[in-house]
Amino acid sequence: MIVVFSPQASEERVGSVLGRVEKIVTESGNSITKREQWGIRRLAYPIKRLREGNYQLLQFKLDTLQVSHVDTTLRVSEDVLRHLLVTV
């Protein structure tokens, strides 16, 4: 999963959102296998009048029923510009 946060979002707010996602994953008996901070990168097109975003990569195993909880958590966060959740 890739999450693009607003570049103005503080580290605490980014950590809070990612912490909620991590909580959903761990409560279902799974774990996060990879977590990378890609940092501030230029967006391909402006989103909410912003040209840059703070990219975060998370890789985890999760039941399909829990995917909607992760999606909802990311959708309601004001700091998340975009997210992409891919199933393999």
PDB file of N, CA and C in Angstrom:
ATOM      1  N   MET A   1       0.846  -1.150   0.000  1.00  0.00           N
ATOM      2  CA  MET A   1       0.000   0.000   0.000  1.00  0.00           C
ATOM      3  C   MET A   1       0.902   1.226   0.000  1.00  0.00           C
ATOM      4  N   ILE A   2       0.557   2.187  -0.833  1.00  0.00           N
ATOM      5  CA  ILE A   2       1.259   3.459  -0.856  1.00  0.00           C
ATOM      6  C   ILE A   2       0.282   4.534  -0.406  1.00  0.00           C
ATOM      7  N   VAL A   3       0.738   5.371   0.511  1.00  0.00           N
ATOM      8  CA  VAL A   3      -0.073   6.474   1.011  1.00  0.00           C
ATOM      9  C   VAL A   3       0.689   7.765   0.745  1.00  0.00           C
ATOM     10  N   VAL A   4      -0.005   8.746   0.164  1.00  0.00           N
ATOM     11  CA  VAL A   4       0.589  10.051  -0.088  1.00  0.00           C
ATOM     12  C   VAL A   4      -0.053  11.046   0.874  1.00  0.00           C
ATOM     13  N   PHE A   5       0.760  11.587   1.754  1.00  0.00           N
ATOM     14  CA  PHE A   5       0.304  12.571   2.729  1.00  0.00           C
ATOM     15  C   PHE A   5       0.619  13.977   2.235  1.00  0.00           C
ATOM     16  N   SER A   6      -0.084  14.938   2.779  1.00  0.00           N
ATOM     17  CA  SER A   6       0.215  16.339   2.515  1.00  0.00           C
ATOM     18  C   SER A   6       1.628  16.637   3.010  1.00  0.00           C
ATOM     19  N   PRO A   7       2.404  17.425   2.258  1.00  0.00           N
ATOM     20  CA  PRO A   7       3.760  17.728   2.727  1.00  0.00           C
ATOM     21  C   PRO A   7       3.767  18.583   3.989  1.00  0.00           C
ATOM     22  N   GLN A   8       2.648  19.259   4.281  1.00  0.00           N
ATOM     23  CA  GLN A   8       2.567  20.077   5.486  1.00  0.00           C
ATOM     24  C   GLN A   8       2.190  19.267   6.722  1.00  0.00           C
ATOM     25  N   ALA A   9       1.804  18.008   6.547  1.00  0.00           N
ATOM     26  CA  ALA A   9       1.409  17.166   7.684  1.00  0.00           C
ATOM     27  C   ALA A   9       2.635  16.889   8.555  1.00  0.00           C
ATOM     28  N   SER A  10       2.473  17.060   9.855  1.00  0.00           N
ATOM     29  CA  SER A  10       3.584  16.826  10.776  1.00  0.00           C
ATOM     30  C   SER A  10       3.857  15.325  10.894  1.00  0.00           C
ATOM     31  N   GLU A  11       5.038  15.013  11.389  1.00  0.00           N
ATOM     32  CA  GLU A  11       5.417  13.608  11.575  1.00  0.00           C
ATOM     33  C   GLU A  11       4.482  12.912  12.557  1.00  0.00           C
ATOM     34  N   GLU A  12       3.996  13.657  13.554  1.00  0.00           N
ATOM     35  CA  GLU A  12       3.071  13.070  14.531  1.00  0.00           C
ATOM     36  C   GLU A  12       1.756  12.668  13.870  1.00  0.00           C
ATOM     37  N   ARG A  13       1.260  13.525  12.984  1.00  0.00           N
ATOM     38  CA  ARG A  13      -0.016  13.233  12.320  1.00  0.00           C
ATOM     39  C   ARG A  13       0.136  12.069  11.344  1.00  0.00           C
ATOM     40  N   VAL A  14       1.249  12.029  10.624  1.00  0.00           N
ATOM     41  CA  VAL A  14       1.512  10.905   9.719  1.00  0.00           C
ATOM     42  C   VAL A  14       1.629   9.625  10.532  1.00  0.00           C
ATOM     43  N   GLY A  15       2.373   9.686  11.627  1.00  0.00           N
ATOM     44  CA  GLY A  15       2.528   8.524  12.499  1.00  0.00           C
ATOM     45  C   GLY A  15       1.215   8.067  13.104  1.00  0.00           C
ATOM     46  N   SER A  16       0.340   9.016  13.403  1.00  0.00           N
ATOM     47  CA  SER A  16      -0.964   8.679  13.970  1.00  0.00           C
ATOM     48  C   SER A  16      -1.817   7.895  12.977  1.00  0.00           C
ATOM     49  N   VAL A  17      -1.859   8.353  11.733  1.00  0.00           N
ATOM     50  CA  VAL A  17      -2.649   7.654  10.706  1.00  0.00           C
ATOM     51  C   VAL A  17      -2.064   6.276  10.441  1.00  0.00           C
ATOM     52  N   LEU A  18      -0.744   6.201  10.289  1.00  0.00           N
ATOM     53  CA  LEU A  18      -0.112   4.906  10.046  1.00  0.00           C
ATOM     54  C   LEU A  18      -0.257   3.988  11.254  1.00  0.00           C
ATOM     55  N   GLY A  19      -0.286   4.559  12.441  1.00  0.00           N
ATOM     56  CA  GLY A  19      -0.512   3.770  13.653  1.00  0.00           C
ATOM     57  C   GLY A  19      -1.897   3.144  13.677  1.00  0.00           C
ATOM     58  N   ARG A  20      -2.901   3.896  13.215  1.00  0.00           N
ATOM     59  CA  ARG A  20      -4.259   3.338  13.152  1.00  0.00           C
ATOM     60  C   ARG A  20      -4.333   2.195  12.149  1.00  0.00           C
ATOM     61  N   VAL A  21      -3.641   2.341  11.005  1.00  0.00           N
ATOM     62  CA  VAL A  21      -3.608   1.257  10.015  1.00  0.00           C
ATOM     63  C   VAL A  21      -2.901   0.046  10.614  1.00  0.00           C
ATOM     64  N   GLU A  22      -1.781   0.286  11.279  1.00  0.00           N
ATOM     65  CA  GLU A  22      -1.026  -0.808  11.903  1.00  0.00           C
ATOM     66  C   GLU A  22      -1.866  -1.518  12.963  1.00  0.00           C
ATOM     67  N   LYS A  23      -2.670  -0.767  13.693  1.00  0.00           N
ATOM     68  CA  LYS A  23      -3.537  -1.355  14.714  1.00  0.00           C
ATOM     69  C   LYS A  23      -4.575  -2.281  14.083  1.00  0.00           C
ATOM     70  N   ILE A  24      -5.161  -1.867  12.959  1.00  0.00           N
ATOM     71  CA  ILE A  24      -6.139  -2.713  12.260  1.00  0.00           C
ATOM     72  C   ILE A  24      -5.480  -4.007  11.812  1.00  0.00           C
ATOM     73  N   VAL A  25      -4.265  -3.890  11.274  1.00  0.00           N
ATOM     74  CA  VAL A  25      -3.548  -5.067  10.774  1.00  0.00           C
ATOM     75  C   VAL A  25      -3.203  -6.013  11.921  1.00  0.00           C
ATOM     76  N   THR A  26      -2.671  -5.483  13.020  1.00  0.00           N
ATOM     77  CA  THR A  26      -2.236  -6.350  14.115  1.00  0.00           C
ATOM     78  C   THR A  26      -3.407  -6.942  14.894  1.00  0.00           C
ATOM     79  N   GLU A  27      -4.513  -6.219  14.996  1.00  0.00           N
ATOM     80  CA  GLU A  27      -5.677  -6.758  15.708  1.00  0.00           C
ATOM     81  C   GLU A  27      -6.295  -7.944  14.981  1.00  0.00           C
ATOM     82  N   SER A  28      -6.062  -8.031  13.677  1.00  0.00           N
ATOM     83  CA  SER A  28      -6.590  -9.168  12.928  1.00  0.00           C
ATOM     84  C   SER A  28      -5.616 -10.346  12.934  1.00  0.00           C
ATOM     85  N   GLY A  29      -4.526 -10.230  13.696  1.00  0.00           N
ATOM     86  CA  GLY A  29      -3.576 -11.331  13.820  1.00  0.00           C
ATOM     87  C   GLY A  29      -2.497 -11.340  12.763  1.00  0.00           C
ATOM     88  N   ASN A  30      -2.339 -10.261  12.031  1.00  0.00           N
ATOM     89  CA  ASN A  30      -1.318 -10.162  10.990  1.00  0.00           C
ATOM     90  C   ASN A  30      -0.255  -9.163  11.423  1.00  0.00           C
ATOM     91  N   SER A  31       0.744  -8.981  10.577  1.00  0.00           N
ATOM     92  CA  SER A  31       1.791  -8.019  10.899  1.00  0.00           C
ATOM     93  C   SER A  31       2.235  -7.284   9.641  1.00  0.00           C
ATOM     94  N   ILE A  32       2.833  -6.128   9.856  1.00  0.00           N
ATOM     95  CA  ILE A  32       3.373  -5.346   8.747  1.00  0.00           C
ATOM     96  C   ILE A  32       4.751  -5.904   8.422  1.00  0.00           C
ATOM     97  N   THR A  33       4.962  -6.276   7.159  1.00  0.00           N
ATOM     98  CA  THR A  33       6.223  -6.889   6.762  1.00  0.00           C
ATOM     99  C   THR A  33       7.238  -5.872   6.258  1.00  0.00           C
ATOM    100  N   LYS A  34       6.763  -4.712   5.801  1.00  0.00           N
ATOM    101  CA  LYS A  34       7.678  -3.709   5.268  1.00  0.00           C
ATOM    102  C   LYS A  34       7.083  -2.325   5.497  1.00  0.00           C
ATOM    103  N   ARG A  35       7.932  -1.397   5.931  1.00  0.00           N
ATOM    104  CA  ARG A  35       7.497  -0.017   6.125  1.00  0.00           C
ATOM    105  C   ARG A  35       8.638   0.888   5.695  1.00  0.00           C
ATOM    106  N   GLU A  36       8.398   1.680   4.657  1.00  0.00           N
ATOM    107  CA  GLU A  36       9.430   2.570   4.132  1.00  0.00           C
ATOM    108  C   GLU A  36       8.890   3.985   4.035  1.00  0.00           C
ATOM    109  N   GLN A  37       9.736   4.924   4.378  1.00  0.00           N
ATOM    110  CA  GLN A  37       9.391   6.325   4.224  1.00  0.00           C
ATOM    111  C   GLN A  37      10.140   6.842   3.002  1.00  0.00           C
ATOM    112  N   TRP A  38       9.395   7.150   1.941  1.00  0.00           N
ATOM    113  CA  TRP A  38      10.028   7.622   0.719  1.00  0.00           C
ATOM    114  C   TRP A  38      10.267   9.124   0.750  1.00  0.00           C
ATOM    115  N   GLY A  39       9.602   9.822   1.641  1.00  0.00           N
ATOM    116  CA  GLY A  39       9.825  11.256   1.801  1.00  0.00           C
ATOM    117  C   GLY A  39       9.018  12.103   0.826  1.00  0.00           C
ATOM    118  N   ILE A  40       9.401  13.363   0.747  1.00  0.00           N
ATOM    119  CA  ILE A  40       8.701  14.331  -0.095  1.00  0.00           C
ATOM    120  C   ILE A  40       9.130  14.125  -1.545  1.00  0.00           C
ATOM    121  N   ARG A  41       8.136  13.921  -2.403  1.00  0.00           N
ATOM    122  CA  ARG A  41       8.392  13.750  -3.837  1.00  0.00           C
ATOM    123  C   ARG A  41       7.393  14.581  -4.626  1.00  0.00           C
ATOM    124  N   ARG A  42       7.774  14.925  -5.815  1.00  0.00           N
ATOM    125  CA  ARG A  42       6.907  15.705  -6.700  1.00  0.00           C
ATOM    126  C   ARG A  42       5.780  14.817  -7.212  1.00  0.00           C
ATOM    127  N   LEU A  43       4.559  15.363  -7.216  1.00  0.00           N
ATOM    128  CA  LEU A  43       3.398  14.642  -7.730  1.00  0.00           C
ATOM    129  C   LEU A  43       3.341  14.776  -9.251  1.00  0.00           C
ATOM    130  N   ALA A  44       2.729  13.820  -9.915  1.00  0.00           N
ATOM    131  CA  ALA A  44       2.588  13.868 -11.369  1.00  0.00           C
ATOM    132  C   ALA A  44       1.630  14.978 -11.791  1.00  0.00           C
ATOM    133  N   TYR A  45       0.670  15.281 -10.923  1.00  0.00           N
ATOM    134  CA  TYR A  45      -0.296  16.352 -11.177  1.00  0.00           C
ATOM    135  C   TYR A  45      -0.718  16.923  -9.826  1.00  0.00           C
ATOM    136  N   PRO A  46      -1.163  18.172  -9.796  1.00  0.00           N
ATOM    137  CA  PRO A  46      -1.545  18.770  -8.507  1.00  0.00           C
ATOM    138  C   PRO A  46      -2.754  18.071  -7.888  1.00  0.00           C
ATOM    139  N   ILE A  47      -2.701  17.869  -6.583  1.00  0.00           N
ATOM    140  CA  ILE A  47      -3.819  17.334  -5.810  1.00  0.00           C
ATOM    141  C   ILE A  47      -4.085  18.346  -4.702  1.00  0.00           C
ATOM    142  N   LYS A  48      -5.294  18.867  -4.655  1.00  0.00           N
ATOM    143  CA  LYS A  48      -5.666  19.898  -3.667  1.00  0.00           C
ATOM    144  C   LYS A  48      -4.692  21.071  -3.717  1.00  0.00           C
ATOM    145  N   ARG A  49      -4.296  21.437  -4.930  1.00  0.00           N
ATOM    146  CA  ARG A  49      -3.377  22.548  -5.205  1.00  0.00           C
ATOM    147  C   ARG A  49      -1.969  22.331  -4.654  1.00  0.00           C
ATOM    148  N   LEU A  50      -1.631  21.106  -4.361  1.00  0.00           N
ATOM    149  CA  LEU A  50      -0.287  20.777  -3.882  1.00  0.00           C
ATOM    150  C   LEU A  50       0.480  20.068  -4.987  1.00  0.00           C
ATOM    151  N   ARG A  51       1.753  20.391  -5.107  1.00  0.00           N
ATOM    152  CA  ARG A  51       2.589  19.792  -6.143  1.00  0.00           C
ATOM    153  C   ARG A  51       3.523  18.713  -5.597  1.00  0.00           C
ATOM    154  N   GLU A  52       3.590  18.573  -4.277  1.00  0.00           N
ATOM    155  CA  GLU A  52       4.444  17.570  -3.649  1.00  0.00           C
ATOM    156  C   GLU A  52       3.646  16.785  -2.629  1.00  0.00           C
ATOM    157  N   GLY A  53       4.140  15.590  -2.322  1.00  0.00           N
ATOM    158  CA  GLY A  53       3.494  14.756  -1.322  1.00  0.00           C
ATOM    159  C   GLY A  53       4.523  13.950  -0.555  1.00  0.00           C
ATOM    160  N   ASN A  54       4.165  13.570   0.654  1.00  0.00           N
ATOM    161  CA  ASN A  54       5.017  12.747   1.512  1.00  0.00           C
ATOM    162  C   ASN A  54       4.594  11.291   1.321  1.00  0.00           C
ATOM    163  N   TYR A  55       5.430  10.510   0.652  1.00  0.00           N
ATOM    164  CA  TYR A  55       5.100   9.128   0.297  1.00  0.00           C
ATOM    165  C   TYR A  55       5.513   8.159   1.403  1.00  0.00           C
ATOM    166  N   GLN A  56       4.619   7.221   1.706  1.00  0.00           N
ATOM    167  CA  GLN A  56       4.876   6.164   2.687  1.00  0.00           C
ATOM    168  C   GLN A  56       4.466   4.830   2.060  1.00  0.00           C
ATOM    169  N   LEU A  57       5.282   3.804   2.245  1.00  0.00           N
ATOM    170  CA  LEU A  57       4.989   2.473   1.726  1.00  0.00           C
ATOM    171  C   LEU A  57       4.798   1.519   2.897  1.00  0.00           C
ATOM    172  N   LEU A  58       3.700   0.778   2.878  1.00  0.00           N
ATOM    173  CA  LEU A  58       3.438  -0.264   3.871  1.00  0.00           C
ATOM    174  C   LEU A  58       3.127  -1.551   3.130  1.00  0.00           C
ATOM    175  N   GLN A  59       3.701  -2.642   3.592  1.00  0.00           N
ATOM    176  CA  GLN A  59       3.404  -3.947   3.011  1.00  0.00           C
ATOM    177  C   GLN A  59       2.972  -4.864   4.148  1.00  0.00           C
ATOM    178  N   PHE A  60       1.810  -5.504   3.965  1.00  0.00           N
ATOM    179  CA  PHE A  60       1.275  -6.356   5.021  1.00  0.00           C
ATOM    180  C   PHE A  60       0.328  -7.373   4.426  1.00  0.00           C
ATOM    181  N   LYS A  61       0.042  -8.403   5.212  1.00  0.00           N
ATOM    182  CA  LYS A  61      -0.969  -9.389   4.850  1.00  0.00           C
ATOM    183  C   LYS A  61      -2.205  -9.065   5.659  1.00  0.00           C
ATOM    184  N   LEU A  62      -3.367  -9.130   5.001  1.00  0.00           N
ATOM    185  CA  LEU A  62      -4.599  -8.751   5.678  1.00  0.00           C
ATOM    186  C   LEU A  62      -5.770  -9.487   5.056  1.00  0.00           C
ATOM    187  N   ASP A  63      -6.725  -9.875   5.893  1.00  0.00           N
ATOM    188  CA  ASP A  63      -7.941 -10.512   5.399  1.00  0.00           C
ATOM    189  C   ASP A  63      -8.730  -9.516   4.561  1.00  0.00           C
ATOM    190  N   THR A  64      -9.434 -10.020   3.564  1.00  0.00           N
ATOM    191  CA  THR A  64     -10.192  -9.140   2.674  1.00  0.00           C
ATOM    192  C   THR A  64     -11.279  -8.371   3.413  1.00  0.00           C
ATOM    193  N   LEU A  65     -11.787  -8.914   4.501  1.00  0.00           N
ATOM    194  CA  LEU A  65     -12.816  -8.213   5.263  1.00  0.00           C
ATOM    195  C   LEU A  65     -12.256  -6.982   5.972  1.00  0.00           C
ATOM    196  N   GLN A  66     -10.979  -7.002   6.311  1.00  0.00           N
ATOM    197  CA  GLN A  66     -10.358  -5.887   7.021  1.00  0.00           C
ATOM    198  C   GLN A  66      -9.880  -4.778   6.085  1.00  0.00           C
ATOM    199  N   VAL A  67      -9.799  -5.068   4.796  1.00  0.00           N
ATOM    200  CA  VAL A  67      -9.313  -4.079   3.835  1.00  0.00           C
ATOM    201  C   VAL A  67     -10.206  -2.840   3.836  1.00  0.00           C
ATOM    202  N   SER A  68     -11.508  -3.026   3.966  1.00  0.00           N
ATOM    203  CA  SER A  68     -12.420  -1.880   3.966  1.00  0.00           C
ATOM    204  C   SER A  68     -12.183  -0.980   5.175  1.00  0.00           C
ATOM    205  N   HIS A  69     -11.773  -1.545   6.306  1.00  0.00           N
ATOM    206  CA  HIS A  69     -11.465  -0.736   7.490  1.00  0.00           C
ATOM    207  C   HIS A  69     -10.235   0.145   7.245  1.00  0.00           C
ATOM    208  N   VAL A  70      -9.228  -0.415   6.597  1.00  0.00           N
ATOM    209  CA  VAL A  70      -8.034   0.359   6.264  1.00  0.00           C
ATOM    210  C   VAL A  70      -8.403   1.466   5.284  1.00  0.00           C
ATOM    211  N   ASP A  71      -9.180   1.131   4.271  1.00  0.00           N
ATOM    212  CA  ASP A  71      -9.602   2.104   3.264  1.00  0.00           C
ATOM    213  C   ASP A  71     -10.375   3.256   3.907  1.00  0.00           C
ATOM    214  N   THR A  72     -11.298   2.942   4.792  1.00  0.00           N
ATOM    215  CA  THR A  72     -12.089   3.970   5.472  1.00  0.00           C
ATOM    216  C   THR A  72     -11.212   4.857   6.341  1.00  0.00           C
ATOM    217  N   THR A  73     -10.268   4.268   7.048  1.00  0.00           N
ATOM    218  CA  THR A  73      -9.357   5.031   7.897  1.00  0.00           C
ATOM    219  C   THR A  73      -8.577   6.052   7.082  1.00  0.00           C
ATOM    220  N   LEU A  74      -8.116   5.653   5.903  1.00  0.00           N
ATOM    221  CA  LEU A  74      -7.338   6.560   5.065  1.00  0.00           C
ATOM    222  C   LEU A  74      -8.220   7.612   4.398  1.00  0.00           C
ATOM    223  N   ARG A  75      -9.438   7.249   4.045  1.00  0.00           N
ATOM    224  CA  ARG A  75     -10.344   8.203   3.389  1.00  0.00           C
ATOM    225  C   ARG A  75     -10.757   9.352   4.307  1.00  0.00           C
ATOM    226  N   VAL A  76     -10.944   9.085   5.582  1.00  0.00           N
ATOM    227  CA  VAL A  76     -11.422  10.123   6.499  1.00  0.00           C
ATOM    228  C   VAL A  76     -10.306  11.032   7.014  1.00  0.00           C
ATOM    229  N   SER A  77      -9.066  10.662   6.802  1.00  0.00           N
ATOM    230  CA  SER A  77      -7.953  11.484   7.267  1.00  0.00           C
ATOM    231  C   SER A  77      -7.760  12.678   6.337  1.00  0.00           C
ATOM    232  N   GLU A  78      -7.688  13.871   6.919  1.00  0.00           N
ATOM    233  CA  GLU A  78      -7.506  15.092   6.136  1.00  0.00           C
ATOM    234  C   GLU A  78      -6.102  15.197   5.554  1.00  0.00           C
ATOM    235  N   ASP A  79      -5.142  14.539   6.165  1.00  0.00           N
ATOM    236  CA  ASP A  79      -3.753  14.646   5.728  1.00  0.00           C
ATOM    237  C   ASP A  79      -3.413  13.728   4.564  1.00  0.00           C
ATOM    238  N   VAL A  80      -4.268  12.749   4.265  1.00  0.00           N
ATOM    239  CA  VAL A  80      -4.003  11.807   3.178  1.00  0.00           C
ATOM    240  C   VAL A  80      -4.514  12.401   1.870  1.00  0.00           C
ATOM    241  N   LEU A  81      -3.597  12.585   0.914  1.00  0.00           N
ATOM    242  CA  LEU A  81      -3.995  13.084  -0.398  1.00  0.00           C
ATOM    243  C   LEU A  81      -4.519  11.950  -1.271  1.00  0.00           C
ATOM    244  N   ARG A  82      -3.781  10.843  -1.310  1.00  0.00           N
ATOM    245  CA  ARG A  82      -4.172   9.671  -2.093  1.00  0.00           C
ATOM    246  C   ARG A  82      -3.621   8.427  -1.410  1.00  0.00           C
ATOM    247  N   HIS A  83      -4.250   7.298  -1.706  1.00  0.00           N
ATOM    248  CA  HIS A  83      -3.704   6.018  -1.255  1.00  0.00           C
ATOM    249  C   HIS A  83      -4.038   4.962  -2.294  1.00  0.00           C
ATOM    250  N   LEU A  84      -3.186   3.971  -2.367  1.00  0.00           N
ATOM    251  CA  LEU A  84      -3.369   2.875  -3.306  1.00  0.00           C
ATOM    252  C   LEU A  84      -3.137   1.580  -2.549  1.00  0.00           C
ATOM    253  N   LEU A  85      -4.172   0.784  -2.469  1.00  0.00           N
ATOM    254  CA  LEU A  85      -4.128  -0.489  -1.763  1.00  0.00           C
ATOM    255  C   LEU A  85      -4.238  -1.590  -2.804  1.00  0.00           C
ATOM    256  N   VAL A  86      -3.186  -2.384  -2.953  1.00  0.00           N
ATOM    257  CA  VAL A  86      -3.122  -3.410  -3.985  1.00  0.00           C
ATOM    258  C   VAL A  86      -3.147  -4.781  -3.327  1.00  0.00           C
ATOM    259  N   THR A  87      -3.982  -5.672  -3.851  1.00  0.00           N
ATOM    260  CA  THR A  87      -4.003  -7.047  -3.352  1.00  0.00           C
ATOM    261  C   THR A  87      -3.199  -7.925  -4.294  1.00  0.00           C
ATOM    262  N   VAL A  88      -2.455  -8.841  -3.716  1.00  0.00           N
ATOM    263  CA  VAL A  88      -1.603  -9.727  -4.508  1.00  0.00           C
ATOM    264  C   VAL A  88      -2.040 -11.149  -4.283  1.00  0.00           C
TER     265      VAL A  88
END
